[in-house]
């Protein structure tokens, strides 16, 4: 199980399926993609859901964790 952490303002948690649309919107922004080597442009529909679906397996098999950072007040990524 991937842990969740909380600060006064933030929740740092595993991504969930319902995050996929927001991830696609954010990752599809060319300005965001410019800051990485791994985000393709244009960002393909469905890629975020596929990416999220692999997180738990990676955590279990190789100890690789990917976290969503969410504003506690609004639940916004």
N, C-alpha and C. Protein backbone atom coordinates (compact mmCIF):
# COMPACT_ATOMS: atom_id res chain seq x y z
N UNK A 1 0.84 -1.19 0.00
CA UNK A 1 0.00 0.00 0.00
C UNK A 1 0.88 1.25 0.00
N UNK A 2 0.54 2.19 -0.85
CA UNK A 2 1.30 3.43 -0.95
C UNK A 2 0.81 4.38 0.15
N UNK A 3 1.73 4.94 0.90
CA UNK A 3 1.32 5.81 2.02
C UNK A 3 0.79 7.16 1.55
N UNK A 4 0.10 7.83 2.46
CA UNK A 4 -0.38 9.19 2.27
C UNK A 4 0.23 10.04 3.37
N UNK A 5 0.61 11.25 3.01
CA UNK A 5 1.20 12.19 3.97
C UNK A 5 0.38 13.47 3.95
N UNK A 6 0.33 14.16 5.07
CA UNK A 6 -0.39 15.42 5.12
C UNK A 6 0.46 16.49 5.79
N UNK A 7 0.34 17.69 5.24
CA UNK A 7 0.92 18.87 5.88
C UNK A 7 -0.26 19.79 6.20
N UNK A 8 0.04 20.95 6.69
CA UNK A 8 -1.03 21.90 7.00
C UNK A 8 -1.85 22.25 5.76
N UNK A 9 -1.18 22.37 4.61
CA UNK A 9 -1.85 22.78 3.37
C UNK A 9 -2.07 21.70 2.34
N UNK A 10 -1.27 20.61 2.43
CA UNK A 10 -1.23 19.64 1.34
C UNK A 10 -1.55 18.22 1.79
N UNK A 11 -2.02 17.44 0.83
CA UNK A 11 -2.11 16.00 0.97
C UNK A 11 -1.22 15.42 -0.13
N UNK A 12 -0.31 14.57 0.26
CA UNK A 12 0.60 13.91 -0.67
C UNK A 12 0.18 12.45 -0.66
N UNK A 13 -0.40 12.03 -1.78
CA UNK A 13 -1.07 10.74 -1.81
C UNK A 13 -0.84 10.04 -3.13
N UNK A 14 -1.19 8.76 -3.17
CA UNK A 14 -1.12 8.07 -4.45
C UNK A 14 -2.12 8.70 -5.44
N UNK A 15 -1.78 8.65 -6.70
CA UNK A 15 -2.74 9.03 -7.72
C UNK A 15 -3.87 8.01 -7.73
N UNK A 16 -5.05 8.47 -8.09
CA UNK A 16 -6.21 7.59 -8.24
C UNK A 16 -6.77 7.77 -9.66
N UNK A 17 -7.57 6.80 -10.09
CA UNK A 17 -8.10 6.82 -11.46
C UNK A 17 -8.78 8.14 -11.80
N UNK A 18 -9.47 8.70 -10.83
CA UNK A 18 -10.21 9.94 -11.10
C UNK A 18 -9.29 11.15 -11.31
N UNK A 19 -8.01 11.00 -11.06
CA UNK A 19 -7.04 12.07 -11.34
C UNK A 19 -6.65 12.13 -12.81
N UNK A 20 -6.97 11.12 -13.57
CA UNK A 20 -6.45 10.99 -14.93
C UNK A 20 -6.79 12.19 -15.82
N UNK A 21 -8.02 12.67 -15.78
CA UNK A 21 -8.38 13.80 -16.65
C UNK A 21 -7.57 15.05 -16.30
N UNK A 22 -7.38 15.31 -15.02
CA UNK A 22 -6.61 16.49 -14.61
C UNK A 22 -5.14 16.32 -14.98
N UNK A 23 -4.61 15.11 -14.82
CA UNK A 23 -3.22 14.85 -15.21
C UNK A 23 -3.05 15.10 -16.71
N UNK A 24 -4.00 14.62 -17.51
CA UNK A 24 -3.92 14.84 -18.96
C UNK A 24 -3.96 16.33 -19.29
N UNK A 25 -4.80 17.08 -18.59
CA UNK A 25 -4.87 18.52 -18.82
C UNK A 25 -3.55 19.20 -18.48
N UNK A 26 -3.01 18.87 -17.31
CA UNK A 26 -1.75 19.48 -16.88
C UNK A 26 -0.58 19.03 -17.74
N UNK A 27 -0.47 17.74 -18.00
CA UNK A 27 0.64 17.21 -18.79
C UNK A 27 0.55 17.65 -20.25
N UNK A 28 -0.67 17.93 -20.69
CA UNK A 28 -0.85 18.37 -22.07
C UNK A 28 -0.45 19.82 -22.30
N UNK A 29 -0.17 20.54 -21.23
CA UNK A 29 0.26 21.93 -21.34
C UNK A 29 1.72 21.94 -21.79
N UNK A 30 2.03 22.52 -22.94
CA UNK A 30 3.41 22.53 -23.43
C UNK A 30 4.41 23.14 -22.46
N UNK A 31 3.98 24.11 -21.67
CA UNK A 31 4.89 24.74 -20.70
C UNK A 31 5.30 23.72 -19.63
N UNK A 32 4.37 22.88 -19.20
CA UNK A 32 4.69 21.83 -18.24
C UNK A 32 5.62 20.80 -18.89
N UNK A 33 5.27 20.38 -20.08
CA UNK A 33 6.06 19.36 -20.78
C UNK A 33 7.49 19.81 -21.04
N UNK A 34 7.69 21.09 -21.28
CA UNK A 34 9.04 21.62 -21.53
C UNK A 34 9.99 21.38 -20.36
N UNK A 35 9.45 21.23 -19.17
CA UNK A 35 10.29 21.09 -17.98
C UNK A 35 10.66 19.64 -17.69
N UNK A 36 10.27 18.72 -18.55
CA UNK A 36 10.57 17.31 -18.34
C UNK A 36 11.13 16.68 -19.61
N UNK A 37 11.67 15.51 -19.46
CA UNK A 37 12.11 14.75 -20.64
C UNK A 37 11.15 13.61 -20.93
N UNK A 38 10.19 13.37 -20.04
CA UNK A 38 9.36 12.18 -20.16
C UNK A 38 7.91 12.44 -20.56
N UNK A 39 7.49 13.69 -20.65
CA UNK A 39 6.11 13.96 -21.01
C UNK A 39 6.03 14.22 -22.51
N UNK A 40 5.32 13.35 -23.25
CA UNK A 40 5.22 13.53 -24.70
C UNK A 40 4.28 14.68 -25.05
N UNK A 41 4.56 15.31 -26.16
CA UNK A 41 3.69 16.36 -26.68
C UNK A 41 3.36 16.04 -28.12
N UNK A 42 2.13 16.04 -28.52
CA UNK A 42 0.97 16.25 -27.68
C UNK A 42 0.77 15.06 -26.74
N UNK A 43 0.12 15.31 -25.61
CA UNK A 43 -0.09 14.26 -24.62
C UNK A 43 -1.28 13.41 -25.03
N UNK A 44 -1.08 12.11 -25.26
CA UNK A 44 -2.16 11.26 -25.79
C UNK A 44 -3.28 11.00 -24.78
N UNK A 45 -4.49 10.99 -25.28
CA UNK A 45 -5.67 10.65 -24.48
C UNK A 45 -5.49 9.22 -23.96
N UNK A 46 -5.76 9.02 -22.69
CA UNK A 46 -5.65 7.69 -22.09
C UNK A 46 -4.30 7.39 -21.46
N UNK A 47 -3.29 8.18 -21.77
CA UNK A 47 -1.96 7.90 -21.24
C UNK A 47 -1.91 8.09 -19.73
N UNK A 48 -2.59 9.08 -19.21
CA UNK A 48 -2.57 9.32 -17.76
C UNK A 48 -3.18 8.15 -17.00
N UNK A 49 -4.28 7.62 -17.48
CA UNK A 49 -4.92 6.47 -16.82
C UNK A 49 -3.99 5.27 -16.83
N UNK A 50 -3.32 5.06 -17.95
CA UNK A 50 -2.36 3.95 -18.05
C UNK A 50 -1.20 4.16 -17.09
N UNK A 51 -0.68 5.38 -17.04
CA UNK A 51 0.44 5.72 -16.16
C UNK A 51 0.05 5.51 -14.70
N UNK A 52 -1.12 5.99 -14.31
CA UNK A 52 -1.59 5.83 -12.94
C UNK A 52 -1.77 4.36 -12.58
N UNK A 53 -2.25 3.56 -13.51
CA UNK A 53 -2.51 2.15 -13.23
C UNK A 53 -1.25 1.35 -12.92
N UNK A 54 -0.08 1.87 -13.27
CA UNK A 54 1.18 1.16 -13.05
C UNK A 54 1.85 1.50 -11.72
N UNK A 55 1.37 2.50 -11.02
CA UNK A 55 2.04 2.96 -9.80
C UNK A 55 2.10 1.94 -8.68
N UNK A 56 0.99 1.27 -8.41
CA UNK A 56 0.98 0.32 -7.30
C UNK A 56 1.94 -0.84 -7.56
N UNK A 57 1.96 -1.36 -8.78
CA UNK A 57 2.86 -2.46 -9.12
C UNK A 57 4.32 -2.04 -8.95
N UNK A 58 4.66 -0.83 -9.41
CA UNK A 58 6.03 -0.34 -9.27
C UNK A 58 6.41 -0.16 -7.80
N UNK A 59 5.47 0.28 -7.00
CA UNK A 59 5.74 0.45 -5.57
C UNK A 59 6.03 -0.90 -4.92
N UNK A 60 5.25 -1.89 -5.27
CA UNK A 60 5.42 -3.22 -4.68
C UNK A 60 6.69 -3.89 -5.20
N UNK A 61 6.89 -3.86 -6.49
CA UNK A 61 7.99 -4.61 -7.09
C UNK A 61 9.37 -3.97 -6.93
N UNK A 62 9.43 -2.65 -7.06
CA UNK A 62 10.76 -2.04 -7.03
C UNK A 62 10.88 -0.87 -6.05
N UNK A 63 9.83 -0.63 -5.27
CA UNK A 63 9.90 0.45 -4.28
C UNK A 63 9.92 1.83 -4.91
N UNK A 64 9.33 1.98 -6.10
CA UNK A 64 9.27 3.26 -6.77
C UNK A 64 7.90 3.88 -6.52
N UNK A 65 7.87 5.04 -5.89
CA UNK A 65 6.62 5.68 -5.51
C UNK A 65 6.42 6.97 -6.29
N UNK A 66 5.20 7.17 -6.75
CA UNK A 66 4.81 8.38 -7.44
C UNK A 66 3.63 8.97 -6.68
N UNK A 67 3.74 10.24 -6.32
CA UNK A 67 2.71 10.86 -5.48
C UNK A 67 2.05 12.04 -6.17
N UNK A 68 0.76 12.17 -5.91
CA UNK A 68 0.02 13.36 -6.29
C UNK A 68 0.13 14.35 -5.14
N UNK A 69 0.30 15.62 -5.47
CA UNK A 69 0.33 16.67 -4.46
C UNK A 69 -0.97 17.45 -4.64
N UNK A 70 -1.77 17.46 -3.58
CA UNK A 70 -3.12 18.00 -3.66
C UNK A 70 -3.31 19.07 -2.59
N UNK A 71 -3.93 20.18 -2.97
CA UNK A 71 -4.28 21.18 -1.98
C UNK A 71 -5.35 20.64 -1.05
N UNK A 72 -5.11 20.70 0.22
CA UNK A 72 -6.06 20.15 1.19
C UNK A 72 -7.39 20.91 1.14
N UNK A 73 -7.33 22.21 0.97
CA UNK A 73 -8.55 23.04 1.01
C UNK A 73 -9.50 22.81 -0.16
N UNK A 74 -8.96 22.41 -1.32
CA UNK A 74 -9.78 22.28 -2.52
C UNK A 74 -9.72 20.90 -3.18
N UNK A 75 -8.80 20.07 -2.75
CA UNK A 75 -8.54 18.75 -3.36
C UNK A 75 -8.02 18.87 -4.78
N UNK A 76 -7.52 20.03 -5.15
CA UNK A 76 -7.00 20.26 -6.50
C UNK A 76 -5.55 19.77 -6.62
N UNK A 77 -5.28 19.03 -7.71
CA UNK A 77 -3.92 18.60 -8.00
C UNK A 77 -3.04 19.81 -8.26
